[in-house]
Amino acid sequence: MKHNLKRLTAVIICVIMLVVCFGCNTTSPGDSPNPTNPGGSTTIVTKDPNATEYIPEGMYSCLVTIDASTAFNNPGLDDAIRNELRNNGMILNKVKMASAATQSVTEIFTVACSLSNIVVDIESGDFGSFIKGIGGLYNGDCGESSYWLLRINGEYPGVGADSITVNDGDEIVWIYTCDGGADIGYIWQDQ
């Protein structure tokens, strides 16, 4: 029951964030629309990772990045998939998000993707959510040892994104590896 109440609270916060997002304009005259939010109007996502004025009082600020540049530059990637990747594989680059103190990394990530029109394929299992694909790039697209990994503040957590609560100032990166992590500096260790 307590778990369901937390989920309900998180969903309500996400809905409120979406309502706020589409009701406010953060662009100045002469600004080009925000490439990570095609409508260019939101108080939650901003193209300037150093901006502070867009984060509502009482909310945490975090940066969300989706980096598939290793796949984009991998000659083994199918050209049809490569052609669908945004910005040479840098699908989202340090997009500033506002987060409630109770939101998980998965929740803030899915909101960022939704606001940026990025399709995410997530599978729920016994150990939480599992990212199968982001922006048309799926686990296994560059070979058997290719998949999405989560990095937070330069570290690869040993737990699922569902169990990590966003903290103020977090840098959340979903990064694609083409060879089990060696190409992105990840060394798997038994915990």
Protein backbone atom coordinates (compact mmCIF):
# COMPACT_ATOMS: atom_id res chain seq x y z
CA MET A 1 0.00 0.00 0.00
CA LYS A 2 2.82 2.40 0.93
CA HIS A 3 4.60 1.58 -2.35
CA ASN A 4 1.42 2.32 -4.33
CA LEU A 5 1.03 5.67 -2.55
CA LYS A 6 4.59 6.63 -3.53
CA ARG A 7 3.92 5.69 -7.16
CA LEU A 8 0.65 7.64 -7.17
CA THR A 9 2.42 10.69 -5.73
CA ALA A 10 5.16 10.42 -8.38
CA VAL A 11 2.58 10.14 -11.17
CA ILE A 12 0.70 13.18 -9.85
CA ILE A 13 3.95 15.17 -9.73
CA CYS A 14 4.76 14.15 -13.31
CA VAL A 15 1.31 15.24 -14.49
CA ILE A 16 1.67 18.58 -12.71
CA MET A 17 5.11 19.02 -14.29
CA LEU A 18 3.67 18.35 -17.74
CA VAL A 19 0.83 20.84 -17.18
CA VAL A 20 3.32 23.47 -16.00
CA CYS A 21 5.65 22.65 -18.91
CA PHE A 22 3.19 23.41 -21.63
CA GLY A 23 1.76 26.51 -19.99
CA CYS A 24 4.88 28.68 -19.66
CA ASN A 25 7.26 30.14 -22.20
CA THR A 26 10.99 30.20 -21.44
CA THR A 27 12.24 31.48 -24.79
CA SER A 28 13.18 35.09 -25.33
CA PRO A 29 12.38 36.99 -28.50
CA GLY A 30 14.92 35.99 -31.13
CA ASP A 31 15.74 32.65 -29.48
CA SER A 32 15.50 29.60 -31.64
CA PRO A 33 13.16 26.92 -30.36
CA ASN A 34 14.68 24.50 -27.86
CA PRO A 35 15.92 21.51 -29.92
CA THR A 36 15.18 19.12 -27.06
CA ASN A 37 11.63 20.38 -26.73
CA PRO A 38 10.26 21.17 -30.16
CA GLY A 39 7.52 23.41 -28.80
CA GLY A 40 10.15 25.59 -27.10
CA SER A 41 7.89 26.25 -24.09
CA THR A 42 8.56 24.66 -20.75
CA THR A 43 9.75 25.51 -17.27
CA ILE A 44 11.10 22.01 -16.80
CA VAL A 45 13.43 21.46 -19.77
CA THR A 46 15.91 24.11 -20.88
CA LYS A 47 18.66 24.14 -23.47
CA ASP A 48 20.95 26.00 -21.05
CA PRO A 49 22.32 23.59 -18.41
CA ASN A 50 23.62 26.56 -16.39
CA ALA A 51 20.22 28.25 -16.12
CA THR A 52 18.80 28.51 -12.63
CA GLU A 53 15.77 30.69 -13.16
CA TYR A 54 13.77 27.90 -14.79
CA ILE A 55 13.78 25.53 -11.82
CA PRO A 56 10.68 25.97 -9.65
CA GLU A 57 11.33 26.70 -5.99
CA GLY A 58 11.53 23.56 -3.88
CA MET A 59 12.48 21.35 -6.82
CA TYR A 60 15.81 19.67 -7.48
CA SER A 61 17.79 20.43 -10.60
CA CYS A 62 19.46 17.68 -12.60
CA LEU A 63 20.93 17.20 -16.06
CA VAL A 64 19.83 14.38 -18.36
CA THR A 65 21.97 13.15 -21.25
CA ILE A 66 21.41 10.30 -23.70
CA ASP A 67 24.66 9.46 -25.46
CA ALA A 68 24.72 6.94 -28.31
CA SER A 69 27.79 8.40 -30.04
CA THR A 70 29.70 5.12 -29.65
CA ALA A 71 27.00 3.34 -31.64
CA PHE A 72 26.76 6.16 -34.19
CA ASN A 73 30.50 5.87 -34.84
CA ASN A 74 30.51 2.05 -34.84
CA PRO A 75 30.88 0.67 -38.39
CA GLY A 76 28.85 -2.39 -37.38
CA LEU A 77 25.68 -0.34 -36.79
CA ASP A 78 23.04 -0.72 -39.49
CA ASP A 79 22.84 2.47 -41.59
CA ALA A 80 19.06 2.63 -41.21
CA ILE A 81 19.46 2.84 -37.42
CA ARG A 82 22.36 5.33 -37.66
CA ASN A 83 20.25 7.61 -39.88
CA GLU A 84 17.52 7.74 -37.21
CA LEU A 85 19.87 8.81 -34.40
CA ARG A 86 19.74 12.50 -33.49
CA ASN A 87 22.79 14.77 -33.42
CA ASN A 88 25.41 12.15 -34.37
CA GLY A 89 24.25 9.96 -31.51
CA MET A 90 24.03 12.66 -28.84
CA ILE A 91 20.29 12.15 -28.51
CA LEU A 92 19.91 14.49 -25.53
CA ASN A 93 22.75 16.68 -24.28
CA LYS A 94 22.65 17.98 -20.70
CA VAL A 95 18.99 18.91 -20.65
CA LYS A 96 18.14 20.59 -17.35
CA MET A 97 15.20 19.04 -15.55
CA ALA A 98 13.36 19.90 -12.37
CA SER A 99 12.70 16.96 -10.09
CA ALA A 100 10.67 16.42 -6.97
CA ALA A 101 12.71 15.05 -4.08
CA THR A 102 10.91 11.71 -4.35
CA GLN A 103 11.39 11.04 -8.06
CA SER A 104 13.45 8.12 -9.27
CA VAL A 105 15.99 8.33 -12.07
CA THR A 106 13.61 6.28 -14.24
CA GLU A 107 10.76 8.72 -13.65
CA ILE A 108 12.75 11.87 -14.48
CA PHE A 109 14.33 10.12 -17.49
CA THR A 110 10.96 9.09 -18.95
CA VAL A 111 9.61 12.64 -18.49
CA ALA A 112 12.67 14.08 -20.28
CA CYS A 113 12.17 11.61 -23.13
CA SER A 114 8.46 12.33 -23.36
CA LEU A 115 9.02 16.11 -23.50
CA SER A 116 11.72 15.61 -26.13
CA ASN A 117 9.69 13.22 -28.31
CA ILE A 118 12.15 10.39 -27.77
CA VAL A 119 10.72 6.89 -27.87
CA VAL A 120 11.88 4.67 -25.03
CA ASP A 121 11.27 0.93 -24.82
CA ILE A 122 11.23 -0.11 -21.15
CA GLU A 123 10.49 -3.56 -19.82
CA SER A 124 9.39 -4.08 -16.23
CA GLY A 125 10.71 -7.08 -14.37
CA ASP A 126 11.45 -8.48 -10.94
CA PHE A 127 14.40 -6.11 -10.51
CA GLY A 128 12.65 -2.98 -11.80
CA SER A 129 12.67 -1.28 -15.17
CA PHE A 130 15.04 -2.43 -17.88
CA ILE A 131 15.90 -0.16 -20.81
CA LYS A 132 15.62 -2.13 -24.04
CA GLY A 133 15.95 0.77 -26.46
CA ILE A 134 16.14 4.56 -26.67
CA GLY A 135 15.48 6.66 -29.77
CA GLY A 136 15.41 3.59 -32.03
CA LEU A 137 18.71 2.14 -30.77
CA TYR A 138 18.26 -1.19 -29.01
CA ASN A 139 20.41 -3.44 -26.91
CA GLY A 140 22.28 -5.72 -29.30
CA ASP A 141 22.18 -3.37 -32.32
CA CYS A 142 26.00 -3.17 -32.37
CA GLY A 143 26.60 -6.79 -31.42
CA GLU A 144 26.12 -9.16 -28.53
CA SER A 145 27.86 -6.93 -25.95
CA SER A 146 26.08 -3.70 -26.87
CA TYR A 147 23.51 -2.16 -24.53
CA TRP A 148 22.45 0.90 -22.57
CA LEU A 149 24.18 1.71 -19.27
CA LEU A 150 23.33 4.28 -16.62
CA ARG A 151 25.98 6.63 -15.28
CA ILE A 152 25.23 9.12 -12.50
CA ASN A 153 27.77 11.78 -11.57
CA GLY A 154 30.49 9.82 -13.38
CA GLU A 155 29.75 6.54 -11.57
CA TYR A 156 27.96 3.42 -12.74
CA PRO A 157 25.53 2.44 -9.98
CA GLY A 158 25.20 -1.20 -9.02
CA VAL A 159 21.42 -0.93 -8.68
CA GLY A 160 18.51 -0.27 -11.02
CA ALA A 161 17.40 3.25 -11.95
CA ASP A 162 14.04 2.64 -10.25
CA SER A 163 15.75 2.43 -6.87
CA ILE A 164 17.80 5.63 -7.24
CA THR A 165 16.21 8.89 -6.10
CA VAL A 166 17.31 12.01 -7.97
CA ASN A 167 19.43 14.43 -5.92
CA ASP A 168 19.99 18.11 -6.55
CA GLY A 169 22.76 18.60 -9.11
CA ASP A 170 22.79 15.01 -10.41
CA GLU A 171 24.15 14.39 -13.90
CA ILE A 172 22.18 11.45 -15.27
CA VAL A 173 23.61 9.85 -18.41
CA TRP A 174 22.22 6.92 -20.35
CA ILE A 175 25.16 5.85 -22.48
CA TYR A 176 25.40 3.12 -25.10
CA THR A 177 28.30 0.70 -25.10
CA CYS A 178 29.24 -1.41 -28.11
CA ASP A 179 31.62 -3.74 -26.28
CA GLY A 180 30.43 -4.42 -22.76
CA GLY A 181 31.52 -1.05 -21.41
CA ALA A 182 35.21 -0.95 -22.40
CA ASP A 183 34.53 1.78 -25.00
CA ILE A 184 32.98 4.08 -22.37
CA GLY A 185 35.31 3.39 -19.45
CA TYR A 186 33.04 0.98 -17.59
CA ILE A 187 34.67 -2.00 -15.92
CA TRP A 188 32.19 -4.53 -14.57
CA GLN A 189 33.01 -5.83 -11.11
CA ASP A 190 31.25 -8.43 -9.02
CA GLN A 191 29.58 -6.69 -6.12
